[in-house]
Protein backbone atom coordinates (compact mmCIF):
# COMPACT_ATOMS: atom_id res chain seq x y z
CA MET A 1 0.00 0.00 0.00
CA THR A 2 1.22 3.48 -0.85
CA THR A 3 0.59 6.61 1.14
CA LYS A 4 0.54 10.10 -0.43
CA LYS A 5 1.91 12.93 1.63
CA GLY A 6 1.99 16.36 0.03
CA TRP A 7 3.66 16.25 -3.37
CA LEU A 8 5.77 13.21 -2.47
CA VAL A 9 4.54 9.66 -2.80
CA MET A 10 6.18 7.93 0.14
CA SER A 11 6.81 4.22 0.65
CA LEU A 12 5.80 3.92 4.27
CA ALA A 13 3.77 0.73 4.29
CA ASN A 14 6.55 -1.86 4.34
CA GLU A 15 6.36 -2.59 0.61
CA THR A 16 8.95 -4.53 -1.29
CA ILE A 17 10.58 -2.85 -4.28
CA ALA A 18 8.69 -5.18 -6.62
CA GLU A 19 5.37 -4.34 -4.95
CA ARG A 20 6.19 -0.66 -5.24
CA TYR A 21 6.86 -0.94 -8.96
CA LYS A 22 3.63 -2.87 -9.45
CA GLY A 23 1.66 -0.31 -7.46
CA LEU A 24 3.07 2.63 -9.43
CA GLY A 25 2.58 0.98 -12.80
CA THR A 26 5.44 3.08 -14.17
CA PHE A 27 9.07 3.96 -13.61
CA SER A 28 9.43 5.94 -10.39
CA HIS A 29 10.47 9.57 -10.76
CA GLY A 30 12.64 9.57 -7.67
CA PHE A 31 15.59 8.20 -9.64
CA ASP A 32 15.35 11.13 -12.06
CA TYR A 33 15.54 13.53 -9.12
CA LEU A 34 18.46 11.64 -7.62
CA ARG A 35 20.49 11.68 -10.84
CA ILE A 36 20.35 15.46 -11.12
CA ILE A 37 20.78 16.03 -7.36
CA LEU A 38 23.89 13.86 -7.25
CA ALA A 39 25.31 15.55 -10.36
CA VAL A 40 24.80 18.96 -8.72
CA ALA A 41 26.39 17.61 -5.53
CA VAL A 42 29.50 16.71 -7.55
CA VAL A 43 29.55 20.26 -8.92
CA LEU A 44 29.38 21.69 -5.39
CA GLN A 45 32.15 19.38 -4.23
CA HIS A 46 34.39 20.24 -7.18
CA SER A 47 33.78 23.95 -6.71
CA ILE A 48 35.91 23.72 -3.57
CA VAL A 49 38.72 21.98 -5.47
CA SER A 50 38.72 24.36 -8.43
CA SER A 51 38.30 27.52 -6.32
CA TYR A 52 40.75 26.86 -3.49
CA GLY A 53 42.94 23.97 -4.62
CA GLY A 54 43.68 20.48 -3.46
CA LEU A 55 45.09 21.50 -0.07
CA VAL A 56 41.82 23.05 1.13
CA ALA A 57 39.81 20.20 -0.34
CA GLY A 58 42.11 17.76 1.45
CA GLN A 59 41.53 19.54 4.76
CA ILE A 60 37.78 19.12 4.29
CA TRP A 61 38.16 15.45 3.36
CA GLY A 62 40.40 14.97 6.38
CA SER A 63 37.87 16.34 8.86
CA TRP A 64 34.44 15.19 10.01
CA THR A 65 32.91 17.06 7.05
CA ARG A 66 33.94 14.15 4.81
CA ILE A 67 30.58 12.59 5.76
CA PHE A 68 28.97 15.05 3.31
CA LEU A 69 31.40 14.30 0.47
CA ALA A 70 32.19 10.59 0.64
CA PRO A 71 28.63 9.29 0.00
CA ILE A 72 28.11 11.24 -3.25
CA LEU A 73 29.94 8.96 -5.69
CA ILE A 74 29.08 5.85 -3.69
CA MET A 75 25.42 6.70 -4.15
CA PHE A 76 25.96 7.54 -7.82
CA PHE A 77 27.53 4.15 -8.52
CA GLY A 78 24.94 2.31 -6.42
CA LEU A 79 22.18 4.06 -8.38
CA SER A 80 23.86 2.99 -11.62
CA GLY A 81 24.13 -0.63 -10.46
CA PHE A 82 20.45 -0.76 -9.53
CA LEU A 83 19.21 0.75 -12.79
CA VAL A 84 21.67 -1.05 -15.09
CA THR A 85 20.50 -4.39 -13.69
CA GLY A 86 17.00 -3.52 -14.83
CA SER A 87 18.37 -2.85 -18.30
CA LEU A 88 20.22 -6.18 -18.27
CA LYS A 89 17.01 -8.01 -17.41
CA LYS A 90 15.33 -6.46 -20.45
CA ASN A 91 18.28 -7.09 -22.79
CA PRO A 92 19.57 -10.53 -21.81
CA THR A 93 22.48 -10.90 -24.23
CA ALA A 94 26.01 -9.65 -23.84
CA THR A 95 25.82 -8.01 -27.26
CA SER A 96 22.62 -6.05 -26.64
CA PHE A 97 23.60 -4.99 -23.13
CA LEU A 98 27.08 -3.80 -24.08
CA THR A 99 25.79 -2.06 -27.20
CA LEU A 100 23.22 -0.11 -25.21
CA ARG A 101 25.83 0.86 -22.61
CA ALA A 102 28.18 2.03 -25.35
CA VAL A 103 25.47 4.11 -27.04
CA ARG A 104 24.58 5.70 -23.72
CA LEU A 105 28.09 6.55 -22.54
CA PHE A 106 30.67 6.97 -25.28
CA PRO A 107 29.14 9.53 -27.70
CA ALA A 108 28.64 12.16 -24.98
CA LEU A 109 32.09 11.39 -23.57
CA ALA A 110 33.63 11.77 -27.02
CA VAL A 111 32.02 15.18 -27.51
CA GLU A 112 33.34 16.35 -24.13
CA VAL A 113 36.83 15.21 -25.05
CA PHE A 114 36.76 16.93 -28.45
CA LEU A 115 35.38 20.19 -27.04
CA SER A 116 37.97 20.26 -24.29
CA ALA A 117 40.85 19.50 -26.65
CA LEU A 118 39.77 21.64 -29.60
CA ILE A 119 38.15 24.67 -27.93
CA ILE A 120 39.01 25.02 -24.24
CA GLY A 121 42.61 23.89 -24.72
CA PRO A 122 43.56 26.31 -27.51
CA ILE A 123 41.91 29.23 -25.68
CA PHE A 124 43.61 28.71 -22.34
CA THR A 125 46.94 27.13 -23.25
CA GLN A 126 50.08 29.11 -22.46
CA PHE A 127 51.83 27.44 -25.39
CA THR A 128 51.68 28.60 -28.98
CA LEU A 129 48.98 26.88 -30.99
CA SER A 130 51.66 25.07 -32.97
CA GLN A 131 53.23 23.74 -29.77
CA TYR A 132 49.83 22.85 -28.35
CA PHE A 133 48.60 20.82 -31.32
CA GLN A 134 51.92 19.06 -31.75
CA SER A 135 52.16 18.11 -28.09
CA ARG A 136 51.74 14.50 -27.06
CA TYR A 137 49.43 15.76 -24.29
CA PHE A 138 47.00 16.96 -26.96
CA TRP A 139 46.92 13.67 -28.81
CA ARG A 140 46.79 11.43 -25.77
CA TYR A 141 43.81 13.38 -24.39
CA PHE A 142 41.66 11.66 -27.02
CA THR A 143 42.36 8.29 -25.41
CA ASN A 144 39.95 9.39 -22.67
CA ILE A 145 37.23 8.23 -25.04
CA LEU A 146 38.51 4.67 -24.62
CA GLY A 147 38.75 4.90 -20.84
CA HIS A 148 42.52 5.54 -20.78
CA ILE A 149 42.31 8.63 -18.65
CA HIS A 150 44.51 11.72 -18.90
CA LEU A 151 43.41 14.85 -17.08
CA ASP A 152 45.79 17.43 -18.56
CA LEU A 153 46.36 19.25 -21.84
CA ALA A 154 49.54 21.03 -22.89
CA GLY A 155 49.91 24.36 -21.09
CA VAL A 156 46.23 24.53 -20.07
CA PHE A 157 45.14 25.88 -16.66
CA LEU A 158 48.72 25.95 -15.37
CA ASN A 159 48.35 28.74 -12.81
CA LEU A 160 45.01 27.88 -11.21
CA PRO A 161 44.48 26.76 -7.60
CA PHE A 162 44.04 23.22 -8.96
CA PRO A 163 46.56 23.35 -11.82
CA ASN A 164 47.11 21.22 -14.91
CA VAL A 165 43.73 19.48 -14.69
CA VAL A 166 41.13 19.98 -17.41
CA ASN A 167 38.46 17.53 -16.27
CA LEU A 168 38.74 15.90 -12.86
CA SER A 169 35.42 14.08 -13.31
CA LEU A 170 36.93 11.70 -15.85
CA TRP A 171 38.82 9.78 -13.16
CA THR A 172 35.72 7.65 -12.50
CA ILE A 173 35.36 6.42 -16.10
CA PRO A 174 37.70 3.39 -15.76
CA TYR A 175 35.85 2.25 -12.64
CA GLU A 176 32.52 2.61 -14.42
CA LEU A 177 33.87 0.39 -17.19
CA GLU A 178 35.01 -2.09 -14.53
CA CYS A 179 31.45 -2.17 -13.25
CA TYR A 180 30.05 -3.10 -16.65
CA ILE A 181 32.72 -5.73 -17.21
CA ALA A 182 31.99 -7.18 -13.77
CA ILE A 183 28.22 -7.40 -14.21
CA ILE A 184 28.43 -8.92 -17.69
CA ALA A 185 31.00 -11.47 -16.51
CA LEU A 186 28.91 -12.38 -13.48
CA TYR A 187 25.83 -12.72 -15.67
CA ILE A 188 27.55 -14.90 -18.25
CA VAL A 189 28.80 -17.35 -15.62
CA GLY A 190 25.34 -17.47 -14.04
CA VAL A 191 26.05 -15.70 -10.74
CA VAL A 192 23.62 -12.86 -11.39
CA ARG A 193 21.02 -15.13 -12.99
CA ARG A 194 20.93 -17.36 -9.91
CA ARG A 195 21.12 -14.23 -7.72
CA TRP A 196 21.89 -15.95 -4.40
CA PRO A 197 25.70 -15.95 -4.97
CA MET A 198 25.63 -12.16 -5.22
CA ILE A 199 25.05 -11.81 -1.48
CA PRO A 200 28.13 -13.74 -0.27
CA LEU A 201 30.18 -12.28 -3.13
CA THR A 202 29.29 -8.70 -2.22
CA ILE A 203 29.81 -9.28 1.49
CA ALA A 204 33.20 -10.85 0.76
CA LEU A 205 34.26 -7.86 -1.36
CA ILE A 206 33.18 -5.45 1.38
CA ALA A 207 35.12 -7.43 3.98
CA LEU A 208 38.23 -7.69 1.80
CA GLY A 209 38.12 -3.99 0.91
CA THR A 210 37.78 -2.99 4.55
CA LEU A 211 40.58 -5.33 5.62
CA ALA A 212 42.87 -3.98 2.89
CA ALA A 213 42.10 -0.38 3.90
CA PHE A 214 43.13 -1.08 7.50
CA GLN A 215 46.20 -3.14 6.62
CA HIS A 216 47.59 -0.99 3.81
CA TRP A 217 47.15 2.44 5.28
CA GLU A 218 48.30 5.43 3.24
CA PRO A 219 48.17 8.85 4.96
CA TYR A 220 46.94 10.74 1.89
CA TRP A 221 43.86 8.49 1.65
CA ALA A 222 42.41 10.27 4.67
CA THR A 223 42.42 13.58 2.76
CA ASN A 224 41.27 12.25 -0.59
CA ARG A 225 38.28 10.89 -2.49
CA PRO A 226 36.64 7.56 -1.55
CA LEU A 227 38.76 4.49 -2.17
CA PRO A 228 38.10 3.90 -5.89
CA ARG A 229 37.17 0.20 -5.70
CA SER A 230 34.51 1.04 -3.12
CA LEU A 231 32.60 2.55 -6.04
CA VAL A 232 32.64 -0.77 -7.88
CA VAL A 233 31.43 -2.52 -4.73
CA ALA A 234 28.63 0.06 -4.40
CA PHE A 235 27.63 -0.75 -7.98
CA LEU A 236 27.44 -4.46 -7.12
CA VAL A 237 25.37 -3.67 -4.01
CA GLY A 238 22.93 -1.89 -6.35
CA VAL A 239 22.89 -4.96 -8.58
CA THR A 240 22.16 -7.22 -5.60
CA ILE A 241 19.34 -5.05 -4.26
CA ASN A 242 17.71 -5.00 -7.71
CA LEU A 243 17.94 -8.78 -7.99
CA TYR A 244 16.19 -9.09 -4.63
CA SER A 245 13.46 -6.57 -5.45
CA ASP A 246 10.87 -9.06 -4.26
CA ARG A 247 12.56 -9.31 -0.84
CA VAL A 248 13.97 -5.87 -0.04
CA ARG A 249 11.41 -3.76 1.79
CA LEU A 250 11.09 0.01 1.61
CA GLN A 251 10.47 1.35 5.08
CA ARG A 252 11.24 4.75 6.55
CA SER A 253 12.69 3.31 9.73
CA TYR A 254 15.13 1.23 7.67
CA ALA A 255 16.11 4.31 5.70
CA LEU A 256 16.80 6.30 8.88
CA ILE A 257 18.92 3.47 10.29
CA ALA A 258 20.75 3.29 6.95
CA LEU A 259 21.41 7.03 7.08
CA LEU A 260 23.00 6.77 10.53
CA ALA A 261 25.05 3.76 9.42
CA MET A 262 26.23 5.57 6.30
CA ILE A 263 27.37 8.59 8.32
CA ALA A 264 29.21 6.38 10.80
CA CYS A 265 30.94 4.42 8.03
CA THR A 266 32.05 7.45 6.00
CA PHE A 267 33.52 9.28 9.00
CA ASP A 268 36.69 7.19 8.53
CA TYR A 269 37.86 6.42 5.01
CA ARG A 270 38.90 2.89 6.05
CA THR A 271 35.28 1.89 6.67
CA VAL A 272 33.94 3.34 3.43
CA TYR A 273 33.30 -0.15 2.00
CA LEU A 274 30.90 -0.77 4.89
CA ALA A 275 29.01 2.37 3.86
CA THR A 276 28.03 0.92 0.50
CA ILE A 277 25.07 -1.12 1.74
CA PRO A 278 23.31 1.65 3.72
CA ALA A 279 24.16 4.28 1.09
CA VAL A 280 22.66 2.25 -1.75
CA TYR A 281 19.60 1.35 0.31
CA ILE A 282 18.99 5.08 0.85
CA VAL A 283 19.35 5.66 -2.90
CA VAL A 284 16.79 2.97 -3.70
CA TYR A 285 14.40 4.15 -1.00
CA LEU A 286 14.49 7.74 -2.28
CA GLY A 287 14.47 6.59 -5.89
CA MET A 288 11.26 4.66 -5.41
CA MET A 289 9.42 7.86 -4.44
CA HIS A 290 7.30 9.28 -7.22
CA PRO A 291 7.10 13.09 -7.12
CA PRO A 292 5.79 14.89 -10.20
CA LYS A 293 8.30 16.04 -12.81
CA ARG A 294 7.81 19.59 -14.03
CA GLY A 295 9.88 22.28 -15.67
CA PHE A 296 12.98 22.46 -17.83
CA ILE A 297 15.18 20.42 -15.50
CA PHE A 298 13.10 17.28 -16.15
CA SER A 299 12.51 17.82 -19.87
CA GLY A 300 15.48 15.51 -20.50
CA ASP A 301 18.13 13.50 -18.69
CA TYR A 302 20.73 16.20 -18.07
CA SER A 303 22.69 14.54 -15.28
CA TYR A 304 25.29 12.83 -17.46
CA GLY A 305 26.08 15.92 -19.52
CA LEU A 306 26.35 18.04 -16.38
CA TYR A 307 28.64 15.53 -14.70
CA LEU A 308 30.87 15.19 -17.76
CA PHE A 309 31.45 18.85 -18.58
CA ALA A 310 31.07 20.67 -15.26
CA PHE A 311 34.72 20.63 -14.23
CA PRO A 312 36.07 22.21 -17.45
CA ILE A 313 33.48 24.95 -16.92
CA GLN A 314 34.63 25.36 -13.31
CA GLN A 315 38.26 25.67 -14.37
CA THR A 316 37.21 28.17 -17.04
CA TYR A 317 35.40 30.25 -14.41
CA THR A 318 38.44 30.18 -12.13
CA ALA A 319 40.69 31.31 -15.00
CA LEU A 320 38.34 34.10 -16.12
CA PHE A 321 37.48 35.51 -12.70
CA PRO A 322 40.57 35.32 -10.47
CA GLY A 323 39.10 37.89 -8.10
CA ALA A 324 35.95 35.85 -7.46
CA ARG A 325 37.36 32.44 -6.66
CA VAL A 326 34.74 31.44 -4.12
CA TRP A 327 32.89 28.14 -4.16
CA TYR A 328 29.35 29.54 -4.29
CA ALA A 329 29.99 31.84 -7.27
CA ASN A 330 31.87 29.04 -9.00
CA SER A 331 28.96 26.66 -8.37
CA ALA A 332 26.30 29.08 -9.59
CA PHE A 333 28.23 29.84 -12.78
CA THR A 334 28.86 26.16 -13.44
CA ILE A 335 25.32 24.98 -12.78
CA VAL A 336 23.87 27.58 -15.17
CA PHE A 337 26.28 26.98 -18.03
CA GLY A 338 26.61 23.30 -17.20
CA MET A 339 22.86 22.82 -17.59
CA ILE A 340 22.95 24.67 -20.89
CA TYR A 341 25.67 22.32 -22.06
CA ALA A 342 23.80 19.31 -20.64
CA ALA A 343 20.69 20.31 -22.63
CA PHE A 344 22.81 20.54 -25.78
CA SER A 345 24.36 17.14 -25.03
CA TRP A 346 20.99 15.51 -24.41
CA TRP A 347 19.00 16.93 -27.32
CA CYS A 348 21.78 16.97 -29.92
CA ILE A 349 23.84 13.90 -29.02
CA GLU A 350 22.42 11.54 -26.42
CA LYS A 351 18.69 11.45 -27.24
CA PRO A 352 19.04 11.22 -31.06
CA LEU A 353 21.30 8.19 -30.64
CA LEU A 354 19.13 6.62 -27.94
CA THR A 355 16.08 6.83 -30.21
CA ARG A 356 18.01 4.56 -32.60
CA LYS A 357 19.31 2.21 -29.93
CA HIS A 358 17.35 -0.77 -31.23
CA HIS A 359 18.90 -0.25 -34.66
CA PHE A 360 22.38 -0.30 -33.13
CA VAL A 361 21.51 -3.49 -31.24
CA ARG A 362 20.30 -5.19 -34.44
CA VAL A 363 23.49 -4.18 -36.25
CA ALA A 364 25.66 -5.43 -33.38
CA GLU A 365 23.78 -8.73 -33.14
CA ALA A 366 23.94 -9.23 -36.89
CA SER A 367 27.70 -8.66 -36.77
CA ARG A 368 27.96 -11.12 -33.88
CA ASP A 369 26.03 -13.74 -35.79
CA ARG A 370 28.27 -13.34 -38.84
CA VAL A 371 31.37 -13.77 -36.68
CA LEU A 372 29.89 -16.85 -35.00
CA LYS A 373 28.96 -18.27 -38.38
CA ILE A 374 32.50 -17.81 -39.66
CA LEU A 375 33.88 -19.39 -36.50
CA GLY A 376 31.37 -22.19 -36.80
CA MET A 377 32.44 -22.92 -40.37
CA ALA A 378 36.03 -23.03 -39.19
CA GLN A 379 35.04 -25.42 -36.40
CA HIS A 380 32.87 -27.72 -38.55
CA GLY A 381 29.54 -26.04 -37.90
CA ARG A 382 29.57 -26.00 -34.12
CA ALA A 383 28.67 -22.30 -33.75
CA ARG A 384 25.53 -21.20 -31.95
CA PRO A 385 23.94 -17.91 -33.16
CA ASP A 386 22.74 -17.20 -29.63
CA GLY A 387 26.10 -18.02 -28.14
CA ASP A 388 26.22 -14.94 -25.95
CA ARG A 389 22.75 -15.29 -24.49
CA ILE A 390 22.96 -14.74 -20.78
CA GLY A 391 19.41 -14.82 -19.58
C-alpha cells in the first residue's frame, strides 16, 4: 500500500521494491531527481577543489565534514548498479547490453573530449597553438574516449588553484567500465542469474576492501576521495538489491537506520566499503518515491552531460574571474552553463542516438552472428547464433 503525503509519494507501508513498482505501474520519478541532485552535488564538491585547490579540499576530506562528500559517488555508482541491472534483465544478451551501454556513454564522452581538446585547450593554453597541437598531451587526451584517462592538456590551466587538470570528473570512467565488465562477466557465468551468490560475493568484497584499507594504510587516503574500488562494490550492491526486489522492503525506519550507518561508516575512510550497503539502500528508498516532474530540468536526462562537462566549466570560471574564486559563485556559474551544455548534449547527441538504440543493437547482433557463423564454419559447424545469451 502506498501513502501520499503532500507532493511526495512515500513508501511507508513496508512494501517490497517489486510491490512498489507494481503499485506505481510506471518507472518511479525519484531516480530522475536523484540523478540530477547527485550531479549537482559533484559540482558543489568540485567547486571547492577548483576555487581553493587540493590543499583546502584535502583539509575538508580529512575532517568530520567528509561525511557530506564521501557518499556522493558511492550513491551515484549504487544508483547505476540498480538501474543497469533492470536494463540487463530487459536485454539478456552480452551483445545487446554492451551495445546499449556504449550508445549511452561513449558519444557524450567523445564530444566532451573533443570540445575540451579543440576549444578550451587552444583558448587557455600558455603554449603557442603550434606547440599545443603538436604536443603529445593533446593527442593522448583523445584516449579518454577509450577509458585511458589523462586529465591534462599542454599548457592549459597551469596557474590555477588546482593546476594542470582539465576535467577531474573523468577519473571515475575506468571504474565505471570495470562495473560493466563485472556485471556482464557475473551474468555470463550465471552468478547474477541465480542471484543468491551475489550476497556472499558482495559481502566478501566489502570485507576484503575494509581489511585492505586497514592493513595498507596510506596517509593521503584520509584527505582524498573515496577508495576507488569502493565505487565498484557500491555498484554491485545496487545490482544485488535489484535482484532481490521481491525481498527488499522500503520502510522509513530502515532508511533512517541506513542514514546513521552511512554517516558512521564514511567518518573514517577505512570503513567506506561498509558504507556501500546503507548508502545504496537510501538511494533505492528515495528513488522509489514518485514526485511529479515539471519544468525544464526534467525535460530531459541532463545529469550525465552536467557531470561530464562541469569541471572544465569550473576551471574556465576560475581562469576568467581570479578575483571571485569562491565556491558559491563558481557553483552558480557552473550549474547555469553546465545545464545549458547538458541540454545541448541531451538533445543533440544523447537522445538522437538513444532513439536509434534498437537499430544499433540489431546491427551489433547481426555482426555477432556473422562472426559466429564464420567461426562455426572453421570449427565444422559447431557455432551457436545465440552463443552470448545470458538470460
